[in-house]
């Protein structure tokens, strides 16, 4: 059930089982950024009998989808108070790992959800370097679902920094799950579990 995801990319958490600044005007609007992201995700094929060519195309589209996100900021906000307690090397490793989980786990699952849905956009809210893009979809089982995107102007382009489904934040859910693991175990265990899931997804 899609409600179990909480947000589009919360599939990362479910699959893990535990788990900026502006300077120039962007050539594309925040809504165009979201539209391009979702158009890319909708093209990701699913199934157990994909050809080598389809798998290669899926990988390219997932990598392309990642470009619409500010993974560095999402990583920092998701770790919250623990971000300042890890080394620069650990920060880089964690951000790379989270990005790869989006590519190999979140985007393929999101493709299954979005493949046949019509996307209905409301008017975007833009204030200087921040933007909010509201959207609704009508799911055949769940009915109308609100999916809202928060973006920031990063250099000369808009990047997604959070996604809300029916008011529930992806970033906050990630932080909640990460905190549970770190408090119970440690940061190293969180990374270990993420690496394990990534290895399984790539297999």
N, C-alpha and C. Protein backbone atom coordinates (compact mmCIF):
# COMPACT_ATOMS: atom_id res chain seq x y z
N UNK A 1 0.85 -1.18 0.00
CA UNK A 1 0.00 0.00 0.00
C UNK A 1 0.89 1.24 0.00
N UNK A 2 0.53 2.20 -0.82
CA UNK A 2 1.38 3.38 -0.95
C UNK A 2 1.45 4.17 0.34
N UNK A 3 0.43 4.09 1.20
CA UNK A 3 0.46 4.83 2.44
C UNK A 3 1.62 4.40 3.32
N UNK A 4 2.08 3.17 3.14
CA UNK A 4 3.20 2.68 3.94
C UNK A 4 4.48 3.44 3.63
N UNK A 5 4.57 4.05 2.44
CA UNK A 5 5.79 4.74 2.05
C UNK A 5 5.95 6.07 2.78
N UNK A 6 4.83 6.70 3.16
CA UNK A 6 4.83 8.01 3.80
C UNK A 6 5.24 9.11 2.85
N UNK A 7 6.35 8.92 2.16
CA UNK A 7 6.74 9.85 1.10
C UNK A 7 7.24 9.01 -0.05
N UNK A 8 7.39 9.64 -1.20
CA UNK A 8 7.80 8.89 -2.38
C UNK A 8 9.07 8.09 -2.13
N UNK A 9 10.04 8.76 -1.58
CA UNK A 9 11.35 8.13 -1.46
C UNK A 9 11.59 7.49 -0.11
N UNK A 10 10.53 7.34 0.68
CA UNK A 10 10.65 6.62 1.94
C UNK A 10 10.81 5.13 1.69
N UNK A 11 10.67 4.71 0.44
CA UNK A 11 10.94 3.32 0.10
C UNK A 11 12.39 2.97 0.44
N UNK A 12 13.24 3.97 0.48
CA UNK A 12 14.63 3.72 0.91
C UNK A 12 14.62 3.13 2.31
N UNK A 13 13.86 3.72 3.20
CA UNK A 13 13.80 3.27 4.57
C UNK A 13 13.17 1.90 4.68
N UNK A 14 12.07 1.69 3.96
CA UNK A 14 11.38 0.42 4.03
C UNK A 14 12.29 -0.70 3.52
N UNK A 15 13.02 -0.40 2.46
CA UNK A 15 13.90 -1.40 1.89
C UNK A 15 15.10 -1.67 2.77
N UNK A 16 15.52 -0.70 3.56
CA UNK A 16 16.67 -0.88 4.45
C UNK A 16 16.28 -1.71 5.67
N UNK A 17 15.00 -1.82 5.93
CA UNK A 17 14.41 -2.56 7.04
C UNK A 17 14.71 -1.93 8.39
N UNK A 18 15.43 -0.76 8.48
CA UNK A 18 15.64 -0.04 9.71
C UNK A 18 15.39 1.42 9.46
N UNK A 19 16.05 0.87 8.79
CA UNK A 19 16.21 2.18 8.34
C UNK A 19 15.04 2.53 7.38
N UNK A 20 23.95 26.21 -1.19
CA UNK A 20 23.06 26.25 -1.24
C UNK A 20 22.82 27.58 -1.52
N UNK A 21 23.53 27.71 -1.40
CA UNK A 21 23.20 29.13 -1.46
C UNK A 21 22.97 29.60 -2.87
N UNK A 22 22.02 30.55 -3.14
CA UNK A 22 21.68 31.02 -4.47
C UNK A 22 22.65 32.09 -4.99
N UNK A 23 22.76 32.17 -6.30
CA UNK A 23 23.56 33.24 -6.86
C UNK A 23 23.00 33.72 -8.20
N UNK A 24 22.48 32.80 -9.02
CA UNK A 24 21.97 33.19 -10.32
C UNK A 24 20.57 32.64 -10.52
N UNK A 25 19.82 33.25 -11.40
CA UNK A 25 18.47 32.77 -11.71
C UNK A 25 18.57 31.49 -12.54
N UNK A 26 17.71 30.54 -12.24
CA UNK A 26 17.72 29.30 -12.99
C UNK A 26 16.96 29.46 -14.30
N UNK A 27 17.40 28.74 -15.33
CA UNK A 27 16.72 28.80 -16.61
C UNK A 27 15.40 28.05 -16.57
N UNK A 28 15.25 27.11 -15.67
CA UNK A 28 13.99 26.37 -15.56
C UNK A 28 13.35 26.66 -14.21
N UNK A 29 12.06 26.61 -14.18
CA UNK A 29 11.32 26.90 -12.95
C UNK A 29 11.38 25.70 -12.01
N UNK A 30 11.04 25.90 -10.73
CA UNK A 30 10.97 24.77 -9.81
C UNK A 30 10.02 23.68 -10.29
N UNK A 31 8.86 24.08 -10.84
CA UNK A 31 7.91 23.08 -11.33
C UNK A 31 8.49 22.30 -12.49
N UNK A 32 9.20 22.97 -13.38
CA UNK A 32 9.83 22.27 -14.50
C UNK A 32 10.85 21.25 -14.00
N UNK A 33 11.56 21.62 -12.95
CA UNK A 33 12.52 20.69 -12.35
C UNK A 33 11.81 19.42 -11.87
N UNK A 34 10.69 19.60 -11.16
CA UNK A 34 9.93 18.45 -10.65
C UNK A 34 9.34 17.64 -11.80
N UNK A 35 8.81 18.33 -12.80
CA UNK A 35 8.23 17.64 -13.95
C UNK A 35 9.27 16.78 -14.67
N UNK A 36 10.46 17.32 -14.84
CA UNK A 36 11.52 16.57 -15.50
C UNK A 36 11.94 15.36 -14.67
N UNK A 37 12.03 15.55 -13.35
CA UNK A 37 12.36 14.44 -12.46
C UNK A 37 11.35 13.31 -12.61
N UNK A 38 10.06 13.65 -12.50
CA UNK A 38 9.03 12.62 -12.53
C UNK A 38 8.90 11.98 -13.90
N UNK A 39 9.13 12.74 -14.97
CA UNK A 39 9.13 12.16 -16.31
C UNK A 39 10.24 11.13 -16.45
N UNK A 40 11.38 11.42 -15.84
CA UNK A 40 12.50 10.48 -15.86
C UNK A 40 12.16 9.23 -15.07
N UNK A 41 11.59 9.41 -13.88
CA UNK A 41 11.25 8.27 -13.03
C UNK A 41 10.18 7.39 -13.68
N UNK A 42 9.21 8.01 -14.36
CA UNK A 42 8.14 7.24 -15.00
C UNK A 42 8.66 6.32 -16.10
N UNK A 43 9.83 6.61 -16.63
CA UNK A 43 10.40 5.80 -17.71
C UNK A 43 11.18 4.60 -17.18
N UNK A 44 11.39 4.53 -15.87
CA UNK A 44 12.13 3.41 -15.30
C UNK A 44 11.26 2.16 -15.34
N UNK A 45 11.75 1.13 -15.99
CA UNK A 45 11.00 -0.11 -16.16
C UNK A 45 11.15 -1.00 -14.92
N UNK A 46 10.10 -1.79 -14.65
CA UNK A 46 10.15 -2.73 -13.53
C UNK A 46 9.87 -4.14 -14.04
N UNK A 47 10.22 -5.11 -13.22
CA UNK A 47 10.00 -6.50 -13.61
C UNK A 47 11.24 -7.34 -13.42
N UNK A 48 11.05 -8.65 -13.38
CA UNK A 48 12.17 -9.57 -13.15
C UNK A 48 12.83 -10.03 -14.45
N UNK A 49 12.23 -9.69 -15.58
CA UNK A 49 12.75 -10.19 -16.85
C UNK A 49 13.17 -9.05 -17.78
N UNK A 50 13.81 -8.07 -17.21
CA UNK A 50 14.28 -6.95 -18.02
C UNK A 50 15.51 -7.36 -18.83
N UNK A 51 15.59 -6.85 -20.03
CA UNK A 51 16.74 -7.13 -20.88
C UNK A 51 17.94 -6.33 -20.39
N UNK A 52 19.11 -6.69 -20.87
CA UNK A 52 20.33 -5.97 -20.50
C UNK A 52 20.22 -4.52 -20.93
N UNK A 53 19.62 -4.28 -22.07
CA UNK A 53 19.45 -2.92 -22.57
C UNK A 53 18.51 -2.12 -21.67
N UNK A 54 17.42 -2.74 -21.20
CA UNK A 54 16.47 -2.07 -20.31
C UNK A 54 17.12 -1.76 -18.96
N UNK A 55 17.92 -2.68 -18.46
CA UNK A 55 18.61 -2.45 -17.19
C UNK A 55 19.60 -1.30 -17.31
N UNK A 56 20.28 -1.24 -18.44
CA UNK A 56 21.23 -0.16 -18.67
C UNK A 56 20.50 1.18 -18.75
N UNK A 57 19.34 1.18 -19.41
CA UNK A 57 18.55 2.41 -19.52
C UNK A 57 18.02 2.83 -18.16
N UNK A 58 17.58 1.85 -17.35
CA UNK A 58 17.10 2.14 -16.00
C UNK A 58 18.19 2.79 -15.16
N UNK A 59 19.39 2.25 -15.25
CA UNK A 59 20.51 2.79 -14.49
C UNK A 59 20.80 4.23 -14.89
N UNK A 60 20.77 4.49 -16.18
CA UNK A 60 21.04 5.85 -16.68
C UNK A 60 19.96 6.82 -16.21
N UNK A 61 18.71 6.38 -16.22
CA UNK A 61 17.61 7.26 -15.79
C UNK A 61 17.66 7.52 -14.30
N UNK A 62 18.01 6.50 -13.52
CA UNK A 62 18.13 6.69 -12.08
C UNK A 62 19.25 7.66 -11.74
N UNK A 63 20.37 7.54 -12.45
CA UNK A 63 21.47 8.48 -12.23
C UNK A 63 21.05 9.89 -12.62
N UNK A 64 20.28 10.00 -13.70
CA UNK A 64 19.79 11.31 -14.13
C UNK A 64 18.85 11.90 -13.09
N UNK A 65 17.99 11.06 -12.51
CA UNK A 65 17.04 11.53 -11.49
C UNK A 65 17.75 12.09 -10.27
N UNK A 66 18.89 11.51 -9.93
CA UNK A 66 19.63 11.96 -8.76
C UNK A 66 20.10 13.40 -8.91
N UNK A 67 20.31 13.84 -10.14
CA UNK A 67 20.79 15.20 -10.39
C UNK A 67 19.79 16.28 -9.98
N UNK A 68 18.55 15.89 -9.78
CA UNK A 68 17.52 16.87 -9.39
C UNK A 68 17.47 17.08 -7.88
N UNK A 69 18.30 16.36 -7.14
CA UNK A 69 18.31 16.44 -5.68
C UNK A 69 19.61 17.04 -5.16
N UNK A 70 19.50 17.74 -4.05
CA UNK A 70 20.68 18.22 -3.33
C UNK A 70 20.97 17.19 -2.24
N UNK A 71 21.68 16.14 -2.63
CA UNK A 71 21.93 15.03 -1.71
C UNK A 71 22.79 15.46 -0.53
N UNK A 72 23.69 16.40 -0.74
CA UNK A 72 24.54 16.88 0.36
C UNK A 72 23.69 17.48 1.47
N UNK A 73 22.73 18.32 1.09
CA UNK A 73 21.87 18.93 2.11
C UNK A 73 20.92 17.92 2.73
N UNK A 74 20.37 17.04 1.92
CA UNK A 74 19.47 16.01 2.46
C UNK A 74 20.22 15.14 3.47
N UNK A 75 21.45 14.79 3.14
CA UNK A 75 22.26 13.96 4.04
C UNK A 75 22.50 14.67 5.37
N UNK A 76 22.87 15.95 5.28
CA UNK A 76 23.14 16.72 6.50
C UNK A 76 21.90 16.85 7.37
N UNK A 77 20.77 17.19 6.75
CA UNK A 77 19.54 17.36 7.52
C UNK A 77 19.03 16.04 8.07
N UNK A 78 19.23 14.96 7.32
CA UNK A 78 18.77 13.66 7.77
C UNK A 78 19.56 13.16 8.98
N UNK A 79 20.84 13.51 9.05
CA UNK A 79 21.65 13.11 10.21
C UNK A 79 21.51 14.09 11.36
N UNK A 80 21.04 15.30 11.08
CA UNK A 80 20.77 16.28 12.12
C UNK A 80 21.95 16.52 13.04
N UNK A 81 21.73 16.35 14.32
CA UNK A 81 22.75 16.66 15.32
C UNK A 81 23.99 15.78 15.21
N UNK A 82 23.87 14.65 14.53
CA UNK A 82 25.02 13.75 14.41
C UNK A 82 25.97 14.17 13.29
N UNK A 83 25.52 15.06 12.41
CA UNK A 83 26.35 15.48 11.28
C UNK A 83 27.66 16.10 11.75
N UNK A 84 27.59 16.92 12.77
CA UNK A 84 28.79 17.61 13.27
C UNK A 84 29.71 16.68 14.04
N UNK A 85 29.25 15.49 14.34
CA UNK A 85 30.03 14.56 15.15
C UNK A 85 30.83 13.55 14.31
N UNK A 86 30.69 13.62 13.00
CA UNK A 86 31.43 12.70 12.14
C UNK A 86 32.46 13.48 11.33
N UNK A 87 33.44 12.77 10.82
CA UNK A 87 34.52 13.40 10.07
C UNK A 87 34.07 13.80 8.67
N UNK A 88 34.87 14.63 8.01
CA UNK A 88 34.56 15.02 6.64
C UNK A 88 34.54 13.81 5.72
N UNK A 89 35.43 12.87 5.97
CA UNK A 89 35.46 11.64 5.17
C UNK A 89 34.17 10.84 5.36
N UNK A 90 33.70 10.74 6.60
CA UNK A 90 32.46 10.02 6.88
C UNK A 90 31.26 10.73 6.26
N UNK A 91 31.28 12.06 6.26
CA UNK A 91 30.19 12.83 5.64
C UNK A 91 30.12 12.54 4.15
N UNK A 92 31.27 12.56 3.49
CA UNK A 92 31.31 12.30 2.06
C UNK A 92 30.85 10.88 1.75
N UNK A 93 31.31 9.94 2.56
CA UNK A 93 30.94 8.54 2.37
C UNK A 93 29.44 8.34 2.56
N UNK A 94 28.89 8.97 3.60
CA UNK A 94 27.47 8.84 3.90
C UNK A 94 26.62 9.44 2.79
N UNK A 95 26.98 10.63 2.31
CA UNK A 95 26.23 11.29 1.24
C UNK A 95 26.24 10.46 -0.03
N UNK A 96 27.39 9.91 -0.36
CA UNK A 96 27.51 9.07 -1.56
C UNK A 96 26.65 7.83 -1.42
N UNK A 97 26.67 7.24 -0.24
CA UNK A 97 25.90 6.03 0.01
C UNK A 97 24.40 6.29 -0.07
N UNK A 98 23.95 7.39 0.53
CA UNK A 98 22.54 7.73 0.49
C UNK A 98 22.10 7.99 -0.96
N UNK A 99 22.94 8.67 -1.72
CA UNK A 99 22.62 8.92 -3.12
C UNK A 99 22.49 7.62 -3.91
N UNK A 100 23.37 6.68 -3.64
CA UNK A 100 23.32 5.39 -4.34
C UNK A 100 22.07 4.60 -3.96
N UNK A 101 21.63 4.73 -2.73
CA UNK A 101 20.39 4.06 -2.33
C UNK A 101 19.18 4.67 -3.02
N UNK A 102 19.22 5.98 -3.25
CA UNK A 102 18.16 6.60 -4.04
C UNK A 102 18.15 5.98 -5.44
N UNK A 103 19.34 5.86 -6.03
CA UNK A 103 19.47 5.38 -7.41
C UNK A 103 19.02 3.92 -7.54
N UNK A 104 19.48 3.06 -6.64
CA UNK A 104 19.25 1.63 -6.80
C UNK A 104 18.01 1.11 -6.09
N UNK A 105 17.47 1.87 -5.15
CA UNK A 105 16.31 1.39 -4.39
C UNK A 105 15.11 2.33 -4.55
N UNK A 106 15.30 3.61 -4.21
CA UNK A 106 14.16 4.53 -4.16
C UNK A 106 13.57 4.81 -5.54
N UNK A 107 14.40 5.18 -6.50
CA UNK A 107 13.87 5.55 -7.81
C UNK A 107 13.18 4.40 -8.54
N UNK A 108 13.76 3.18 -8.54
CA UNK A 108 13.04 2.07 -9.19
C UNK A 108 11.67 1.82 -8.56
N UNK A 109 11.58 1.89 -7.23
CA UNK A 109 10.29 1.70 -6.57
C UNK A 109 9.34 2.86 -6.86
N UNK A 110 9.88 4.05 -6.93
CA UNK A 110 9.05 5.21 -7.25
C UNK A 110 8.52 5.11 -8.68
N UNK A 111 9.32 4.53 -9.57
CA UNK A 111 8.88 4.34 -10.95
C UNK A 111 7.64 3.48 -11.02
N UNK A 112 7.57 2.46 -10.19
CA UNK A 112 6.39 1.58 -10.17
C UNK A 112 5.15 2.35 -9.74
N UNK A 113 5.32 3.27 -8.80
CA UNK A 113 4.20 4.04 -8.28
C UNK A 113 3.69 5.07 -9.29
N UNK A 114 4.61 5.78 -9.94
CA UNK A 114 4.25 6.89 -10.80
C UNK A 114 3.90 6.50 -12.23
N UNK A 115 4.17 5.28 -12.62
CA UNK A 115 4.13 4.92 -14.04
C UNK A 115 2.82 5.29 -14.74
N UNK A 116 1.68 5.09 -14.12
CA UNK A 116 0.40 5.35 -14.79
C UNK A 116 -0.38 6.50 -14.19
N UNK A 117 0.26 7.33 -13.38
CA UNK A 117 -0.47 8.39 -12.69
C UNK A 117 -0.41 9.71 -13.45
N UNK A 118 -1.53 10.43 -13.41
CA UNK A 118 -1.55 11.79 -13.92
C UNK A 118 -1.10 12.73 -12.82
N UNK A 119 -0.27 13.68 -13.17
CA UNK A 119 0.28 14.62 -12.19
C UNK A 119 -0.44 15.95 -12.32
N UNK A 120 -1.04 16.40 -11.22
CA UNK A 120 -1.81 17.64 -11.23
C UNK A 120 -1.09 18.66 -10.35
N UNK A 121 -0.53 19.69 -10.97
CA UNK A 121 0.24 20.69 -10.24
C UNK A 121 -0.63 21.89 -9.87
N UNK A 122 -0.44 22.37 -8.65
CA UNK A 122 -1.03 23.64 -8.24
C UNK A 122 0.04 24.72 -8.42
N UNK A 123 -0.30 25.95 -8.10
CA UNK A 123 0.65 27.05 -8.29
C UNK A 123 1.82 26.96 -7.32
N UNK A 124 3.01 27.09 -7.84
CA UNK A 124 4.21 27.03 -7.00
C UNK A 124 4.35 28.30 -6.17
N UNK A 125 4.99 28.13 -5.02
CA UNK A 125 5.30 29.28 -4.16
C UNK A 125 6.81 29.49 -4.19
N UNK A 126 7.25 30.66 -4.62
CA UNK A 126 8.67 30.94 -4.74
C UNK A 126 9.01 32.18 -3.94
N UNK A 127 9.99 32.06 -3.05
CA UNK A 127 10.46 33.19 -2.26
C UNK A 127 11.97 33.20 -2.27
N UNK A 128 12.53 34.08 -3.09
CA UNK A 128 13.97 34.20 -3.26
C UNK A 128 14.57 32.86 -3.68
N UNK A 129 15.32 32.22 -2.79
CA UNK A 129 16.03 31.01 -3.17
C UNK A 129 15.31 29.73 -2.75
N UNK A 130 14.07 29.85 -2.29
CA UNK A 130 13.32 28.68 -1.86
C UNK A 130 12.03 28.58 -2.67
N UNK A 131 11.60 27.34 -2.90
CA UNK A 131 10.37 27.13 -3.66
C UNK A 131 9.62 25.92 -3.11
N UNK A 132 8.31 25.97 -3.28
CA UNK A 132 7.43 24.89 -2.83
C UNK A 132 6.51 24.55 -4.00
N UNK A 133 6.58 23.31 -4.47
CA UNK A 133 5.80 22.88 -5.63
C UNK A 133 4.77 21.85 -5.18
N UNK A 134 3.49 22.25 -5.08
CA UNK A 134 2.45 21.32 -4.66
C UNK A 134 1.86 20.54 -5.84
N UNK A 135 1.57 19.28 -5.58
CA UNK A 135 1.06 18.42 -6.63
C UNK A 135 0.12 17.39 -6.02
N UNK A 136 -0.85 16.94 -6.79
CA UNK A 136 -1.70 15.84 -6.35
C UNK A 136 -1.72 14.77 -7.43
N UNK A 137 -1.89 13.53 -7.00
CA UNK A 137 -2.10 12.42 -7.92
C UNK A 137 -3.32 11.66 -7.43
N UNK A 138 -3.97 10.98 -8.33
CA UNK A 138 -5.12 10.15 -7.95
C UNK A 138 -4.74 8.69 -8.17
N UNK A 139 -4.59 7.98 -7.07
CA UNK A 139 -4.18 6.58 -7.09
C UNK A 139 -5.43 5.71 -7.10
N UNK A 140 -5.42 4.66 -7.90
CA UNK A 140 -6.63 3.84 -8.06
C UNK A 140 -7.07 3.17 -6.76
N UNK A 141 -6.14 2.92 -5.84
CA UNK A 141 -6.49 2.29 -4.58
C UNK A 141 -6.59 3.28 -3.42
N UNK A 142 -5.74 4.29 -3.43
CA UNK A 142 -5.64 5.21 -2.30
C UNK A 142 -6.37 6.52 -2.50
N UNK A 143 -6.85 6.75 -3.72
CA UNK A 143 -7.53 8.01 -3.97
C UNK A 143 -6.56 9.15 -4.17
N UNK A 144 -6.96 10.36 -3.79
CA UNK A 144 -6.14 11.54 -4.00
C UNK A 144 -5.03 11.64 -2.96
N UNK A 145 -3.82 11.85 -3.44
CA UNK A 145 -2.66 11.95 -2.56
C UNK A 145 -1.92 13.25 -2.87
N UNK A 146 -1.62 14.00 -1.83
CA UNK A 146 -0.86 15.23 -2.00
C UNK A 146 0.63 14.93 -1.90
N UNK A 147 1.39 15.37 -2.89
CA UNK A 147 2.85 15.19 -2.90
C UNK A 147 3.47 16.55 -3.18
N UNK A 148 4.18 17.08 -2.22
CA UNK A 148 4.74 18.42 -2.33
C UNK A 148 6.26 18.38 -2.29
N UNK A 149 6.87 19.22 -3.11
CA UNK A 149 8.33 19.25 -3.24
C UNK A 149 8.88 20.58 -2.73
N UNK A 150 9.91 20.50 -1.89
CA UNK A 150 10.63 21.68 -1.43
C UNK A 150 11.95 21.76 -2.18
N UNK A 151 12.25 22.93 -2.74
CA UNK A 151 13.47 23.11 -3.53
C UNK A 151 14.23 24.33 -3.06
N UNK A 152 15.53 24.32 -3.35
CA UNK A 152 16.37 25.49 -3.11
C UNK A 152 17.18 25.77 -4.37
N UNK A 153 17.48 27.02 -4.56
CA UNK A 153 18.30 27.41 -5.70
C UNK A 153 19.76 27.14 -5.33
N UNK A 154 20.36 26.21 -6.04
CA UNK A 154 21.72 25.79 -5.76
C UNK A 154 22.59 26.21 -6.94
N UNK A 155 23.43 27.22 -6.74
CA UNK A 155 24.22 27.80 -7.83
C UNK A 155 23.25 28.38 -8.85
N UNK A 156 23.12 27.76 -10.01
CA UNK A 156 22.22 28.31 -11.03
C UNK A 156 21.06 27.38 -11.36
N UNK A 157 20.73 26.46 -10.46
CA UNK A 157 19.65 25.53 -10.75
C UNK A 157 18.89 25.17 -9.47
N UNK A 158 17.63 24.81 -9.64
CA UNK A 158 16.82 24.38 -8.51
C UNK A 158 17.09 22.92 -8.19
N UNK A 159 17.21 22.62 -6.89
CA UNK A 159 17.44 21.25 -6.44
C UNK A 159 16.41 20.91 -5.36
N UNK A 160 15.93 19.69 -5.39
CA UNK A 160 14.96 19.22 -4.40
C UNK A 160 15.68 18.89 -3.09
N UNK A 161 15.15 19.40 -1.99
CA UNK A 161 15.75 19.14 -0.68
C UNK A 161 14.81 18.37 0.25
N UNK A 162 13.54 18.25 -0.13
CA UNK A 162 12.61 17.46 0.67
C UNK A 162 11.37 17.16 -0.17
N UNK A 163 10.69 16.08 0.20
CA UNK A 163 9.44 15.69 -0.44
C UNK A 163 8.45 15.33 0.67
N UNK A 164 7.23 15.84 0.55
CA UNK A 164 6.18 15.54 1.53
C UNK A 164 5.06 14.76 0.85
N UNK A 165 4.60 13.72 1.50
CA UNK A 165 3.42 13.01 1.03
C UNK A 165 2.34 13.13 2.10
N UNK A 166 1.25 13.76 1.72
CA UNK A 166 0.16 14.02 2.68
C UNK A 166 0.71 14.69 3.94
N UNK A 167 1.65 15.60 3.76
CA UNK A 167 2.19 16.38 4.87
C UNK A 167 3.33 15.74 5.63
N UNK A 168 3.71 14.53 5.26
CA UNK A 168 4.78 13.82 5.97
C UNK A 168 6.10 13.99 5.22
N UNK A 169 7.11 14.47 5.91
CA UNK A 169 8.40 14.79 5.30
C UNK A 169 9.29 13.57 5.14
N UNK A 170 9.83 13.41 3.93
CA UNK A 170 10.82 12.37 3.67
C UNK A 170 12.04 12.55 4.56
N UNK A 171 12.53 13.79 4.59
CA UNK A 171 13.77 14.08 5.33
C UNK A 171 13.61 13.81 6.82
N UNK A 172 12.46 14.20 7.38
CA UNK A 172 12.22 13.97 8.80
C UNK A 172 12.08 12.49 9.12
N UNK A 173 11.48 11.75 8.20
CA UNK A 173 11.36 10.31 8.41
C UNK A 173 12.72 9.63 8.34
N UNK A 174 13.53 10.07 7.41
CA UNK A 174 14.89 9.54 7.34
C UNK A 174 15.62 9.81 8.66
N UNK A 175 15.52 11.05 9.15
CA UNK A 175 16.21 11.41 10.39
C UNK A 175 15.71 10.57 11.56
N UNK A 176 14.41 10.36 11.64
CA UNK A 176 13.85 9.56 12.73
C UNK A 176 14.40 8.14 12.71
N UNK A 177 14.45 7.55 11.53
CA UNK A 177 14.96 6.18 11.41
C UNK A 177 16.46 6.11 11.68
N UNK A 178 17.19 7.10 11.17
CA UNK A 178 18.64 7.11 11.40
C UNK A 178 18.96 7.28 12.88
N UNK A 179 18.23 8.15 13.54
CA UNK A 179 18.45 8.38 14.97
C UNK A 179 18.25 7.10 15.77
N UNK A 180 17.22 6.35 15.43
CA UNK A 180 16.94 5.11 16.16
C UNK A 180 18.12 4.15 16.10
N UNK A 181 18.70 4.02 14.91
CA UNK A 181 19.83 3.11 14.75
C UNK A 181 21.06 3.62 15.47
N UNK A 182 21.34 4.90 15.32
CA UNK A 182 22.55 5.47 15.94
C UNK A 182 22.45 5.40 17.46
N UNK A 183 21.28 5.70 18.01
CA UNK A 183 21.10 5.66 19.47
C UNK A 183 21.22 4.25 20.01
N UNK A 184 20.65 3.30 19.29
CA UNK A 184 20.68 1.90 19.75
C UNK A 184 22.03 1.26 19.50
N UNK A 185 22.64 1.58 18.38
CA UNK A 185 23.94 1.00 18.01
C UNK A 185 24.98 2.12 17.93
N UNK A 186 25.28 2.54 16.71
CA UNK A 186 26.20 3.66 16.48
C UNK A 186 26.15 4.04 15.00
N UNK A 187 26.87 5.08 14.66
CA UNK A 187 26.87 5.53 13.27
C UNK A 187 27.43 4.46 12.34
N UNK A 188 28.43 3.76 12.80
CA UNK A 188 29.03 2.70 11.99
C UNK A 188 28.03 1.62 11.62
N UNK A 189 27.13 1.29 12.54
CA UNK A 189 26.12 0.27 12.27
C UNK A 189 25.11 0.77 11.24
N UNK A 190 24.78 2.05 11.31
CA UNK A 190 23.89 2.63 10.31
C UNK A 190 24.50 2.50 8.92
N UNK A 191 25.75 2.86 8.79
CA UNK A 191 26.44 2.77 7.50
C UNK A 191 26.51 1.31 7.04
N UNK A 192 26.78 0.41 7.97
CA UNK A 192 26.87 -1.02 7.62
C UNK A 192 25.56 -1.51 7.02
N UNK A 193 24.45 -1.14 7.64
CA UNK A 193 23.15 -1.59 7.15
C UNK A 193 22.83 -0.98 5.78
N UNK A 194 23.20 0.26 5.61
CA UNK A 194 22.97 0.91 4.33
C UNK A 194 23.80 0.24 3.23
N UNK A 195 25.06 -0.07 3.55
CA UNK A 195 25.92 -0.74 2.58
C UNK A 195 25.41 -2.12 2.23
N UNK A 196 24.88 -2.80 3.23
CA UNK A 196 24.32 -4.15 3.00
C UNK A 196 23.14 -4.08 2.06
N UNK A 197 22.26 -3.11 2.29
CA UNK A 197 21.08 -2.98 1.42
C UNK A 197 21.48 -2.60 0.01
N UNK A 198 22.47 -1.74 -0.12
CA UNK A 198 22.93 -1.33 -1.44
C UNK A 198 23.51 -2.54 -2.20
N UNK A 199 24.26 -3.34 -1.52
CA UNK A 199 24.85 -4.54 -2.14
C UNK A 199 23.75 -5.48 -2.62
N UNK A 200 22.71 -5.65 -1.81
CA UNK A 200 21.58 -6.50 -2.19
C UNK A 200 20.86 -5.94 -3.40
N UNK A 201 20.70 -4.63 -3.43
CA UNK A 201 19.99 -4.00 -4.54
C UNK A 201 20.76 -4.11 -5.84
N UNK A 202 22.08 -4.10 -5.76
CA UNK A 202 22.90 -4.18 -6.96
C UNK A 202 23.04 -5.62 -7.48
N UNK A 203 22.78 -6.59 -6.61
CA UNK A 203 22.98 -8.00 -6.98
C UNK A 203 22.03 -8.43 -8.10
